Amino acid sequence: MVIKNVSLDIVCGITSVLPDTGRPEIAFAGKSNVGKSSLINALMNRKSLARTSASPGKTQTINFYNINEVMYLVDLPGYGYAKVSQAVKEKWGKLIERYLHGSANLRAVFLLIDIRHEPSANDKLMYEWIVSQGYNPIIIATKLDKLKRSQVQKHVKQVKVGLNVVPGTPIIPFSAETKDGREEIWDLMDSLLADPEEEKQDE
């Protein structure tokens, strides 16, 4: 997709009414500091549309990015942030749950996992939970540039086994630094926009 226009159209907090955008939505989930904002900026060819931060927990709302007036990239709050109170974590969880349950336009969920490490307990819970909501999350293994090329397949397998992914689930290694994986992600999103049922399970 050629990116002509990008804007942050809608920001939903814990008490917000979720919008019906009327356009296809593709959501991005991942633990705090996994590189979600950097990925979204790379996909949109922008340096700072999604705010990146060295301190985890920056995204505390659901942010809807309008792409070319034809689709939305939806940035979900990061999970597993240790410095946030349990009450706030639960509110964020309910916000994400409300979105996954309530969006009439959601085509697919991409789950970001740090390729360098085995999936955490929170990663596994999030994966299983998204599956329980009726979606097969597509895995983006971030921070690819931190590995040697010879290590990549071993670490992809570690992610696959650690999450116990549904057979056939795409796992795309990605680097925000080198943009490796960017075209593959866009190709997948373009196919999802063409076929709305491709990644949605029968409910």
N, C-alpha and C. Protein backbone atom coordinates (compact mmCIF):
# COMPACT_ATOMS: atom_id res chain seq x y z
N MET A 1 0.85 -1.20 0.00
CA MET A 1 0.00 0.00 0.00
C MET A 1 0.88 1.24 0.00
N VAL A 2 0.56 2.18 -0.87
CA VAL A 2 1.25 3.47 -0.89
C VAL A 2 0.59 4.37 0.14
N ILE A 3 1.39 4.84 1.11
CA ILE A 3 0.83 5.67 2.19
C ILE A 3 0.78 7.12 1.73
N LYS A 4 -0.43 7.63 1.60
CA LYS A 4 -0.59 9.03 1.17
C LYS A 4 -0.96 9.93 2.34
N ASN A 5 -1.91 9.47 3.13
CA ASN A 5 -2.38 10.26 4.27
C ASN A 5 -2.45 9.39 5.52
N VAL A 6 -1.91 9.92 6.61
CA VAL A 6 -1.96 9.21 7.90
C VAL A 6 -2.33 10.23 8.97
N SER A 7 -3.26 9.84 9.85
CA SER A 7 -3.57 10.74 10.97
C SER A 7 -4.04 9.92 12.16
N LEU A 8 -3.76 10.44 13.35
CA LEU A 8 -4.31 9.85 14.58
C LEU A 8 -5.71 10.44 14.74
N ASP A 9 -6.72 9.64 14.38
CA ASP A 9 -8.10 10.15 14.31
C ASP A 9 -8.84 10.08 15.63
N ILE A 10 -8.66 8.94 16.35
CA ILE A 10 -9.51 8.67 17.51
C ILE A 10 -8.64 8.13 18.64
N VAL A 11 -8.86 8.63 19.84
CA VAL A 11 -8.17 8.14 21.04
C VAL A 11 -9.24 7.74 22.05
N CYS A 12 -9.21 6.47 22.47
CA CYS A 12 -10.23 5.96 23.41
C CYS A 12 -9.58 5.63 24.75
N GLY A 13 -10.08 6.24 25.81
CA GLY A 13 -9.62 5.90 27.15
C GLY A 13 -10.55 4.89 27.80
N ILE A 14 -10.30 4.67 29.07
CA ILE A 14 -11.03 3.62 29.80
C ILE A 14 -12.53 3.85 29.80
N THR A 15 -12.96 5.12 29.84
CA THR A 15 -14.40 5.41 29.92
C THR A 15 -15.00 5.79 28.56
N SER A 16 -14.19 5.78 27.50
CA SER A 16 -14.68 6.22 26.19
C SER A 16 -15.65 5.22 25.58
N VAL A 17 -16.55 5.74 24.76
CA VAL A 17 -17.39 4.89 23.91
C VAL A 17 -16.56 4.50 22.70
N LEU A 18 -16.51 3.19 22.41
CA LEU A 18 -15.72 2.74 21.26
C LEU A 18 -16.40 3.16 19.97
N PRO A 19 -15.61 3.64 19.00
CA PRO A 19 -16.21 4.14 17.77
C PRO A 19 -16.55 3.02 16.80
N ASP A 20 -17.52 3.27 15.94
CA ASP A 20 -17.72 2.43 14.76
C ASP A 20 -17.12 3.20 13.59
N THR A 21 -15.90 2.83 13.22
CA THR A 21 -15.17 3.61 12.23
C THR A 21 -15.72 3.41 10.81
N GLY A 22 -16.41 2.29 10.60
CA GLY A 22 -16.92 2.03 9.26
C GLY A 22 -15.87 1.60 8.27
N ARG A 23 -14.63 1.41 8.77
CA ARG A 23 -13.54 0.97 7.89
C ARG A 23 -12.83 -0.23 8.52
N PRO A 24 -12.16 -1.06 7.70
CA PRO A 24 -11.44 -2.20 8.26
C PRO A 24 -10.40 -1.75 9.28
N GLU A 25 -10.28 -2.53 10.36
CA GLU A 25 -9.31 -2.23 11.42
C GLU A 25 -8.38 -3.42 11.62
N ILE A 26 -7.12 -3.13 11.81
CA ILE A 26 -6.13 -4.15 12.16
C ILE A 26 -5.45 -3.69 13.44
N ALA A 27 -5.53 -4.54 14.48
CA ALA A 27 -5.07 -4.14 15.81
C ALA A 27 -3.69 -4.72 16.11
N PHE A 28 -2.94 -3.98 16.94
CA PHE A 28 -1.60 -4.40 17.36
C PHE A 28 -1.56 -4.47 18.89
N ALA A 29 -1.21 -5.64 19.39
CA ALA A 29 -1.10 -5.85 20.84
C ALA A 29 0.33 -6.27 21.16
N GLY A 30 0.74 -6.03 22.39
CA GLY A 30 2.08 -6.44 22.81
C GLY A 30 2.39 -5.87 24.17
N LYS A 31 3.36 -6.49 24.85
CA LYS A 31 3.69 -6.00 26.18
C LYS A 31 4.40 -4.64 26.07
N SER A 32 4.41 -3.92 27.15
CA SER A 32 5.06 -2.62 27.18
C SER A 32 6.51 -2.73 26.75
N ASN A 33 6.93 -1.80 25.90
CA ASN A 33 8.32 -1.69 25.45
C ASN A 33 8.74 -2.78 24.46
N VAL A 34 7.78 -3.45 23.83
CA VAL A 34 8.14 -4.48 22.85
C VAL A 34 8.42 -3.87 21.48
N GLY A 35 8.09 -2.57 21.33
CA GLY A 35 8.37 -1.89 20.06
C GLY A 35 7.14 -1.65 19.21
N LYS A 36 5.97 -1.56 19.86
CA LYS A 36 4.71 -1.39 19.12
C LYS A 36 4.66 -0.04 18.41
N SER A 37 4.99 1.03 19.13
CA SER A 37 4.96 2.36 18.51
C SER A 37 5.98 2.45 17.37
N SER A 38 7.16 1.85 17.58
CA SER A 38 8.19 1.87 16.53
C SER A 38 7.73 1.11 15.29
N LEU A 39 7.04 0.00 15.50
CA LEU A 39 6.50 -0.77 14.38
C LEU A 39 5.47 0.06 13.61
N ILE A 40 4.55 0.68 14.33
CA ILE A 40 3.50 1.46 13.67
C ILE A 40 4.11 2.62 12.89
N ASN A 41 5.09 3.29 13.47
CA ASN A 41 5.77 4.37 12.75
C ASN A 41 6.44 3.85 11.48
N ALA A 42 7.08 2.67 11.58
CA ALA A 42 7.75 2.09 10.41
C ALA A 42 6.75 1.71 9.33
N LEU A 43 5.62 1.14 9.73
CA LEU A 43 4.60 0.76 8.75
C LEU A 43 4.05 1.99 8.03
N MET A 44 3.95 3.10 8.76
CA MET A 44 3.35 4.30 8.19
C MET A 44 4.38 5.24 7.57
N ASN A 45 5.66 4.82 7.60
CA ASN A 45 6.73 5.68 7.06
C ASN A 45 6.76 7.04 7.74
N ARG A 46 6.51 7.04 9.05
CA ARG A 46 6.59 8.27 9.82
C ARG A 46 7.55 8.05 10.98
N LYS A 47 8.20 9.11 11.41
CA LYS A 47 9.18 8.94 12.48
C LYS A 47 8.56 9.02 13.85
N SER A 48 7.52 9.81 14.02
CA SER A 48 7.04 10.04 15.39
C SER A 48 5.53 10.22 15.48
N LEU A 49 4.78 9.57 14.58
CA LEU A 49 3.32 9.69 14.69
C LEU A 49 2.84 8.95 15.94
N ALA A 50 3.30 7.69 16.08
CA ALA A 50 3.05 6.97 17.34
C ALA A 50 4.20 7.32 18.28
N ARG A 51 3.87 7.76 19.47
CA ARG A 51 4.91 8.23 20.40
C ARG A 51 5.68 7.04 20.98
N THR A 52 6.98 7.06 20.77
CA THR A 52 7.83 6.02 21.34
C THR A 52 8.46 6.56 22.62
N SER A 53 8.81 5.65 23.50
CA SER A 53 9.38 6.07 24.78
C SER A 53 10.28 4.97 25.31
N ALA A 54 11.35 5.39 25.98
CA ALA A 54 12.23 4.41 26.63
C ALA A 54 11.56 3.83 27.86
N SER A 55 10.59 4.56 28.40
CA SER A 55 9.89 4.06 29.59
C SER A 55 8.62 3.33 29.15
N PRO A 56 8.44 2.08 29.61
CA PRO A 56 7.28 1.31 29.19
C PRO A 56 5.98 1.93 29.69
N GLY A 57 4.87 1.49 29.08
CA GLY A 57 3.56 1.92 29.54
C GLY A 57 3.11 3.25 28.97
N LYS A 58 3.73 3.69 27.88
CA LYS A 58 3.40 4.99 27.29
C LYS A 58 1.97 4.99 26.72
N THR A 59 1.62 3.92 26.00
CA THR A 59 0.30 3.86 25.40
C THR A 59 -0.71 3.37 26.43
N GLN A 60 -1.57 4.27 26.89
CA GLN A 60 -2.56 3.92 27.91
C GLN A 60 -3.98 4.04 27.36
N THR A 61 -4.07 4.27 26.05
CA THR A 61 -5.36 4.42 25.40
C THR A 61 -5.35 3.53 24.15
N ILE A 62 -6.51 3.36 23.53
CA ILE A 62 -6.57 2.72 22.22
C ILE A 62 -6.51 3.83 21.18
N ASN A 63 -5.50 3.79 20.33
CA ASN A 63 -5.28 4.84 19.35
C ASN A 63 -5.59 4.32 17.95
N PHE A 64 -6.44 5.05 17.23
CA PHE A 64 -6.87 4.66 15.89
C PHE A 64 -6.17 5.55 14.85
N TYR A 65 -5.31 4.94 14.03
CA TYR A 65 -4.58 5.68 13.00
C TYR A 65 -5.25 5.46 11.65
N ASN A 66 -5.71 6.53 11.05
CA ASN A 66 -6.40 6.48 9.76
C ASN A 66 -5.36 6.45 8.64
N ILE A 67 -5.42 5.39 7.82
CA ILE A 67 -4.49 5.25 6.70
C ILE A 67 -5.25 5.47 5.41
N ASN A 68 -4.91 6.53 4.69
CA ASN A 68 -5.45 6.80 3.35
C ASN A 68 -6.98 6.84 3.30
N GLU A 69 -7.63 7.06 4.46
CA GLU A 69 -9.09 7.07 4.52
C GLU A 69 -9.70 5.73 4.11
N VAL A 70 -8.91 4.63 4.17
CA VAL A 70 -9.45 3.32 3.77
C VAL A 70 -9.37 2.28 4.88
N MET A 71 -8.53 2.50 5.89
CA MET A 71 -8.39 1.51 6.97
C MET A 71 -7.84 2.19 8.21
N TYR A 72 -7.89 1.45 9.34
CA TYR A 72 -7.32 1.94 10.59
C TYR A 72 -6.32 0.92 11.14
N LEU A 73 -5.16 1.42 11.56
CA LEU A 73 -4.27 0.65 12.42
C LEU A 73 -4.63 1.03 13.85
N VAL A 74 -4.86 0.02 14.69
CA VAL A 74 -5.35 0.27 16.05
C VAL A 74 -4.29 -0.18 17.04
N ASP A 75 -3.77 0.77 17.80
CA ASP A 75 -2.70 0.52 18.78
C ASP A 75 -3.33 0.31 20.16
N LEU A 76 -3.22 -0.93 20.66
CA LEU A 76 -3.81 -1.27 21.96
C LEU A 76 -2.81 -0.97 23.09
N PRO A 77 -3.30 -0.71 24.30
CA PRO A 77 -2.38 -0.44 25.42
C PRO A 77 -1.44 -1.63 25.66
N GLY A 78 -0.20 -1.33 26.00
CA GLY A 78 0.75 -2.38 26.33
C GLY A 78 0.37 -3.08 27.63
N TYR A 79 0.69 -4.37 27.73
CA TYR A 79 0.34 -5.12 28.93
C TYR A 79 1.61 -5.51 29.68
N GLY A 80 1.42 -5.93 30.94
CA GLY A 80 2.54 -6.44 31.72
C GLY A 80 3.48 -5.38 32.26
N TYR A 81 3.00 -4.14 32.36
CA TYR A 81 3.87 -3.06 32.86
C TYR A 81 3.89 -3.08 34.38
N ALA A 82 5.03 -3.37 34.94
CA ALA A 82 5.15 -3.66 36.38
C ALA A 82 4.83 -2.46 37.27
N LYS A 83 5.12 -1.24 36.81
CA LYS A 83 4.99 -0.08 37.69
C LYS A 83 3.57 0.48 37.76
N VAL A 84 2.66 -0.16 37.04
CA VAL A 84 1.26 0.29 37.08
C VAL A 84 0.52 -0.55 38.11
N SER A 85 -0.41 0.09 38.83
CA SER A 85 -1.15 -0.63 39.86
C SER A 85 -2.03 -1.71 39.24
N GLN A 86 -2.38 -2.70 40.07
CA GLN A 86 -3.22 -3.81 39.60
C GLN A 86 -4.57 -3.29 39.10
N ALA A 87 -5.10 -2.28 39.78
CA ALA A 87 -6.40 -1.72 39.39
C ALA A 87 -6.33 -1.12 37.99
N VAL A 88 -5.25 -0.42 37.70
CA VAL A 88 -5.09 0.19 36.38
C VAL A 88 -4.91 -0.89 35.32
N LYS A 89 -4.10 -1.92 35.65
CA LYS A 89 -3.92 -3.04 34.70
C LYS A 89 -5.25 -3.66 34.35
N GLU A 90 -6.09 -3.85 35.36
CA GLU A 90 -7.40 -4.47 35.11
C GLU A 90 -8.27 -3.59 34.22
N LYS A 91 -8.19 -2.28 34.42
CA LYS A 91 -8.96 -1.35 33.58
C LYS A 91 -8.48 -1.41 32.13
N TRP A 92 -7.15 -1.46 31.95
CA TRP A 92 -6.62 -1.58 30.58
C TRP A 92 -7.09 -2.88 29.96
N GLY A 93 -7.06 -3.97 30.75
CA GLY A 93 -7.51 -5.27 30.25
C GLY A 93 -8.96 -5.23 29.80
N LYS A 94 -9.79 -4.56 30.60
CA LYS A 94 -11.21 -4.47 30.25
C LYS A 94 -11.40 -3.61 28.99
N LEU A 95 -10.57 -2.59 28.86
CA LEU A 95 -10.64 -1.74 27.67
C LEU A 95 -10.32 -2.55 26.41
N ILE A 96 -9.24 -3.35 26.48
CA ILE A 96 -8.87 -4.19 25.33
C ILE A 96 -9.96 -5.22 25.06
N GLU A 97 -10.48 -5.82 26.12
CA GLU A 97 -11.52 -6.83 25.96
C GLU A 97 -12.76 -6.22 25.30
N ARG A 98 -13.11 -5.03 25.75
CA ARG A 98 -14.28 -4.34 25.20
C ARG A 98 -14.09 -4.09 23.70
N TYR A 99 -12.87 -3.73 23.33
CA TYR A 99 -12.59 -3.47 21.91
C TYR A 99 -12.67 -4.76 21.09
N LEU A 100 -12.02 -5.83 21.55
CA LEU A 100 -12.02 -7.08 20.79
C LEU A 100 -13.43 -7.65 20.67
N HIS A 101 -14.22 -7.49 21.72
CA HIS A 101 -15.61 -7.96 21.69
C HIS A 101 -16.49 -7.06 20.84
N GLY A 102 -16.21 -5.76 20.91
CA GLY A 102 -17.18 -4.79 20.40
C GLY A 102 -16.95 -4.26 19.01
N SER A 103 -15.73 -4.40 18.46
CA SER A 103 -15.48 -3.81 17.15
C SER A 103 -16.13 -4.64 16.04
N ALA A 104 -16.92 -3.96 15.24
CA ALA A 104 -17.56 -4.64 14.10
C ALA A 104 -16.63 -4.68 12.90
N ASN A 105 -15.50 -3.97 12.99
CA ASN A 105 -14.65 -3.79 11.81
C ASN A 105 -13.27 -4.45 11.93
N LEU A 106 -13.01 -5.10 13.06
CA LEU A 106 -11.68 -5.68 13.30
C LEU A 106 -11.46 -6.89 12.40
N ARG A 107 -10.41 -6.84 11.59
CA ARG A 107 -10.09 -7.92 10.66
C ARG A 107 -9.06 -8.89 11.23
N ALA A 108 -8.09 -8.38 11.99
CA ALA A 108 -7.03 -9.25 12.49
C ALA A 108 -6.32 -8.58 13.65
N VAL A 109 -5.68 -9.42 14.48
CA VAL A 109 -4.86 -8.92 15.59
C VAL A 109 -3.42 -9.40 15.37
N PHE A 110 -2.50 -8.47 15.40
CA PHE A 110 -1.07 -8.80 15.37
C PHE A 110 -0.55 -8.72 16.80
N LEU A 111 0.14 -9.76 17.23
CA LEU A 111 0.71 -9.79 18.58
C LEU A 111 2.22 -9.68 18.46
N LEU A 112 2.80 -8.68 19.13
CA LEU A 112 4.24 -8.45 19.07
C LEU A 112 4.94 -9.16 20.21
N ILE A 113 6.00 -9.89 19.86
CA ILE A 113 6.81 -10.62 20.83
C ILE A 113 8.27 -10.27 20.58
N ASP A 114 9.02 -10.01 21.62
CA ASP A 114 10.46 -9.73 21.50
C ASP A 114 11.17 -11.01 21.08
N ILE A 115 11.76 -10.99 19.88
CA ILE A 115 12.36 -12.20 19.32
C ILE A 115 13.55 -12.70 20.15
N ARG A 116 14.13 -11.84 20.98
CA ARG A 116 15.35 -12.23 21.70
C ARG A 116 15.07 -13.17 22.87
N HIS A 117 13.84 -13.15 23.37
CA HIS A 117 13.55 -13.88 24.61
C HIS A 117 12.41 -14.87 24.42
N GLU A 118 12.37 -15.87 25.27
CA GLU A 118 11.21 -16.75 25.29
C GLU A 118 9.97 -15.93 25.67
N PRO A 119 8.82 -16.26 25.09
CA PRO A 119 7.60 -15.53 25.46
C PRO A 119 7.36 -15.60 26.97
N SER A 120 6.98 -14.46 27.54
CA SER A 120 6.73 -14.38 28.97
C SER A 120 5.37 -14.98 29.31
N ALA A 121 5.11 -15.14 30.60
CA ALA A 121 3.80 -15.63 31.04
C ALA A 121 2.69 -14.70 30.55
N ASN A 122 2.95 -13.39 30.57
CA ASN A 122 1.96 -12.42 30.08
C ASN A 122 1.73 -12.58 28.58
N ASP A 123 2.83 -12.83 27.83
CA ASP A 123 2.69 -13.05 26.39
C ASP A 123 1.79 -14.26 26.12
N LYS A 124 2.04 -15.33 26.85
CA LYS A 124 1.26 -16.57 26.65
C LYS A 124 -0.21 -16.34 26.98
N LEU A 125 -0.44 -15.65 28.10
CA LEU A 125 -1.82 -15.35 28.49
C LEU A 125 -2.52 -14.51 27.43
N MET A 126 -1.82 -13.50 26.90
CA MET A 126 -2.41 -12.62 25.90
C MET A 126 -2.72 -13.40 24.63
N TYR A 127 -1.80 -14.26 24.21
CA TYR A 127 -2.02 -15.05 23.00
C TYR A 127 -3.26 -15.94 23.17
N GLU A 128 -3.30 -16.66 24.29
CA GLU A 128 -4.43 -17.57 24.53
C GLU A 128 -5.75 -16.80 24.63
N TRP A 129 -5.68 -15.63 25.21
CA TRP A 129 -6.88 -14.82 25.39
C TRP A 129 -7.41 -14.31 24.05
N ILE A 130 -6.50 -13.84 23.19
CA ILE A 130 -6.93 -13.36 21.86
C ILE A 130 -7.56 -14.50 21.08
N VAL A 131 -6.95 -15.70 21.16
CA VAL A 131 -7.52 -16.87 20.50
C VAL A 131 -8.92 -17.16 21.03
N SER A 132 -9.09 -17.01 22.35
CA SER A 132 -10.40 -17.29 22.97
C SER A 132 -11.45 -16.28 22.52
N GLN A 133 -11.01 -15.11 22.04
CA GLN A 133 -11.94 -14.09 21.55
C GLN A 133 -12.34 -14.35 20.09
N GLY A 134 -11.77 -15.40 19.49
CA GLY A 134 -12.16 -15.76 18.13
C GLY A 134 -11.20 -15.32 17.05
N TYR A 135 -9.98 -14.93 17.43
CA TYR A 135 -8.98 -14.49 16.45
C TYR A 135 -7.75 -15.39 16.50
N ASN A 136 -7.13 -15.60 15.34
CA ASN A 136 -5.80 -16.23 15.30
C ASN A 136 -4.77 -15.11 15.19
N PRO A 137 -4.16 -14.70 16.30
CA PRO A 137 -3.22 -13.59 16.19
C PRO A 137 -2.02 -13.94 15.31
N ILE A 138 -1.63 -12.99 14.50
CA ILE A 138 -0.42 -13.11 13.69
C ILE A 138 0.73 -12.58 14.53
N ILE A 139 1.84 -13.30 14.56
CA ILE A 139 2.95 -12.93 15.45
C ILE A 139 3.98 -12.08 14.71
N ILE A 140 4.32 -10.95 15.28
CA ILE A 140 5.45 -10.15 14.79
C ILE A 140 6.55 -10.25 15.84
N ALA A 141 7.69 -10.82 15.43
CA ALA A 141 8.83 -11.00 16.34
C ALA A 141 9.75 -9.79 16.19
N THR A 142 9.66 -8.86 17.14
CA THR A 142 10.34 -7.56 17.03
C THR A 142 11.81 -7.64 17.45
N LYS A 143 12.51 -6.53 17.17
CA LYS A 143 13.92 -6.34 17.56
C LYS A 143 14.84 -7.34 16.85
N LEU A 144 14.49 -7.64 15.60
CA LEU A 144 15.28 -8.58 14.80
C LEU A 144 16.73 -8.15 14.66
N ASP A 145 16.98 -6.84 14.61
CA ASP A 145 18.34 -6.35 14.40
C ASP A 145 19.26 -6.64 15.58
N LYS A 146 18.69 -7.05 16.72
CA LYS A 146 19.51 -7.37 17.90
C LYS A 146 20.11 -8.78 17.83
N LEU A 147 19.67 -9.57 16.83
CA LEU A 147 20.17 -10.94 16.69
C LEU A 147 21.13 -11.04 15.51
N LYS A 148 22.03 -12.02 15.57
CA LYS A 148 22.81 -12.38 14.39
C LYS A 148 21.90 -13.16 13.46
N ARG A 149 22.17 -13.04 12.17
CA ARG A 149 21.32 -13.72 11.18
C ARG A 149 21.22 -15.22 11.44
N SER A 150 22.33 -15.80 11.90
CA SER A 150 22.35 -17.25 12.13
C SER A 150 21.47 -17.68 13.31
N GLN A 151 21.07 -16.72 14.14
CA GLN A 151 20.26 -17.04 15.33
C GLN A 151 18.75 -16.95 15.07
N VAL A 152 18.37 -16.36 13.93
CA VAL A 152 16.97 -15.97 13.74
C VAL A 152 16.03 -17.17 13.79
N GLN A 153 16.31 -18.21 13.01
CA GLN A 153 15.38 -19.35 12.95
C GLN A 153 15.22 -20.03 14.30
N LYS A 154 16.30 -20.13 15.04
CA LYS A 154 16.23 -20.73 16.38
C LYS A 154 15.29 -19.93 17.27
N HIS A 155 15.37 -18.61 17.17
CA HIS A 155 14.54 -17.75 18.03
C HIS A 155 13.09 -17.72 17.55
N VAL A 156 12.87 -17.82 16.24
CA VAL A 156 11.50 -17.91 15.73
C VAL A 156 10.84 -19.18 16.26
N LYS A 157 11.60 -20.27 16.26
CA LYS A 157 11.08 -21.54 16.79
C LYS A 157 10.77 -21.42 18.28
N GLN A 158 11.63 -20.69 18.99
CA GLN A 158 11.43 -20.48 20.43
C GLN A 158 10.11 -19.75 20.69
N VAL A 159 9.80 -18.76 19.85
CA VAL A 159 8.54 -18.02 19.97
C VAL A 159 7.36 -18.94 19.66
N LYS A 160 7.50 -19.72 18.58
CA LYS A 160 6.42 -20.62 18.15
C LYS A 160 6.10 -21.64 19.22
N VAL A 161 7.14 -22.26 19.77
CA VAL A 161 6.95 -23.29 20.80
C VAL A 161 6.46 -22.66 22.10
N GLY A 162 7.06 -21.51 22.46
CA GLY A 162 6.71 -20.86 23.72
C GLY A 162 5.25 -20.45 23.79
N LEU A 163 4.70 -20.01 22.66
CA LEU A 163 3.30 -19.58 22.63
C LEU A 163 2.36 -20.74 22.31
N ASN A 164 2.95 -21.86 21.84
CA ASN A 164 2.13 -22.99 21.38
C ASN A 164 1.12 -22.50 20.34
N VAL A 165 1.65 -21.87 19.27
CA VAL A 165 0.78 -21.19 18.30
C VAL A 165 -0.08 -22.18 17.53
N VAL A 166 -1.21 -21.68 17.07
CA VAL A 166 -2.09 -22.45 16.20
C VAL A 166 -1.30 -22.81 14.94
N PRO A 167 -1.34 -24.08 14.49
CA PRO A 167 -0.59 -24.47 13.28
C PRO A 167 -0.92 -23.56 12.10
N GLY A 168 0.13 -23.17 11.37
CA GLY A 168 -0.05 -22.31 10.22
C GLY A 168 0.00 -20.82 10.52
N THR A 169 0.15 -20.47 11.81
CA THR A 169 0.20 -19.05 12.19
C THR A 169 1.46 -18.39 11.63
N PRO A 170 1.33 -17.28 10.88
CA PRO A 170 2.53 -16.57 10.41
C PRO A 170 3.30 -15.97 11.59
N ILE A 171 4.64 -16.10 11.53
CA ILE A 171 5.52 -15.42 12.48
C ILE A 171 6.50 -14.60 11.64
N ILE A 172 6.41 -13.28 11.75
CA ILE A 172 7.20 -12.39 10.89
C ILE A 172 8.28 -11.70 11.72
N PRO A 173 9.56 -12.04 11.52
CA PRO A 173 10.63 -11.29 12.18
C PRO A 173 10.66 -9.86 11.64
N PHE A 174 10.84 -8.89 12.56
CA PHE A 174 10.75 -7.49 12.15
C PHE A 174 11.77 -6.65 12.90
N SER A 175 12.32 -5.66 12.20
CA SER A 175 13.21 -4.68 12.82
C SER A 175 12.75 -3.28 12.46
N ALA A 176 12.49 -2.46 13.47
CA ALA A 176 12.15 -1.05 13.23
C ALA A 176 13.36 -0.28 12.73
N GLU A 177 14.55 -0.77 13.06
CA GLU A 177 15.79 -0.09 12.65
C GLU A 177 16.05 -0.28 11.16
N THR A 178 15.98 -1.53 10.69
CA THR A 178 16.34 -1.84 9.30
C THR A 178 15.12 -1.94 8.39
N LYS A 179 13.91 -1.96 8.99
CA LYS A 179 12.64 -2.14 8.27
C LYS A 179 12.49 -3.55 7.70
N ASP A 180 13.36 -4.49 8.07
CA ASP A 180 13.18 -5.87 7.66
C ASP A 180 11.82 -6.37 8.16
N GLY A 181 11.05 -7.00 7.28
CA GLY A 181 9.73 -7.52 7.65
C GLY A 181 8.60 -6.57 7.34
N ARG A 182 8.91 -5.30 7.06
CA ARG A 182 7.85 -4.31 6.83
C ARG A 182 6.97 -4.70 5.63
N GLU A 183 7.60 -5.03 4.51
CA GLU A 183 6.82 -5.36 3.31
C GLU A 183 5.99 -6.62 3.51
N GLU A 184 6.55 -7.58 4.24
CA GLU A 184 5.82 -8.82 4.51
C GLU A 184 4.56 -8.54 5.33
N ILE A 185 4.69 -7.65 6.32
CA ILE A 185 3.53 -7.29 7.14
C ILE A 185 2.47 -6.59 6.29
N TRP A 186 2.91 -5.66 5.44
CA TRP A 186 1.95 -4.95 4.59
C TRP A 186 1.28 -5.91 3.60
N ASP A 187 2.05 -6.84 3.04
CA ASP A 187 1.45 -7.82 2.11
C ASP A 187 0.34 -8.60 2.81
N LEU A 188 0.62 -8.98 4.06
CA LEU A 188 -0.37 -9.74 4.83
C LEU A 188 -1.60 -8.88 5.13
N MET A 189 -1.36 -7.63 5.49
CA MET A 189 -2.49 -6.74 5.78
C MET A 189 -3.32 -6.48 4.53
N ASP A 190 -2.65 -6.31 3.39
CA ASP A 190 -3.39 -6.10 2.14
C ASP A 190 -4.28 -7.30 1.83
N SER A 191 -3.77 -8.51 2.09
CA SER A 191 -4.57 -9.71 1.83
C SER A 191 -5.75 -9.79 2.80
N LEU A 192 -5.55 -9.33 4.04
CA LEU A 192 -6.63 -9.33 5.02
C LEU A 192 -7.72 -8.33 4.65
N LEU A 193 -7.31 -7.21 4.07
CA LEU A 193 -8.29 -6.21 3.65
C LEU A 193 -9.11 -6.73 2.47
N ALA A 194 -8.48 -7.58 1.66
CA ALA A 194 -9.18 -8.14 0.51
C ALA A 194 -10.12 -9.26 0.93
N ASP A 195 -9.76 -9.97 2.02
CA ASP A 195 -10.56 -11.13 2.47
C ASP A 195 -10.81 -11.01 3.96
N PRO A 196 -11.95 -10.43 4.35
CA PRO A 196 -12.19 -10.13 5.77
C PRO A 196 -12.26 -11.35 6.67
N GLU A 197 -12.51 -12.54 6.11
CA GLU A 197 -12.66 -13.73 6.95
C GLU A 197 -11.37 -14.54 7.07
N GLU A 198 -10.31 -14.08 6.42
CA GLU A 198 -9.10 -14.91 6.34
C GLU A 198 -8.52 -15.28 7.67
N GLU A 199 -8.45 -14.30 8.60
CA GLU A 199 -7.82 -14.59 9.88
C GLU A 199 -8.82 -14.72 11.02
N LYS A 200 -10.09 -14.56 10.71
CA LYS A 200 -11.11 -14.66 11.76
C LYS A 200 -11.58 -16.10 11.85
N GLN A 201 -11.63 -16.64 13.02
CA GLN A 201 -12.11 -18.00 13.17
C GLN A 201 -13.64 -18.01 13.14
N ASP A 202 -14.20 -19.17 12.84
CA ASP A 202 -15.65 -19.31 12.98
C ASP A 202 -15.99 -19.21 14.46
N GLU A 203 -16.96 -18.38 14.76
CA GLU A 203 -17.31 -18.18 16.16
C GLU A 203 -18.55 -18.99 16.50
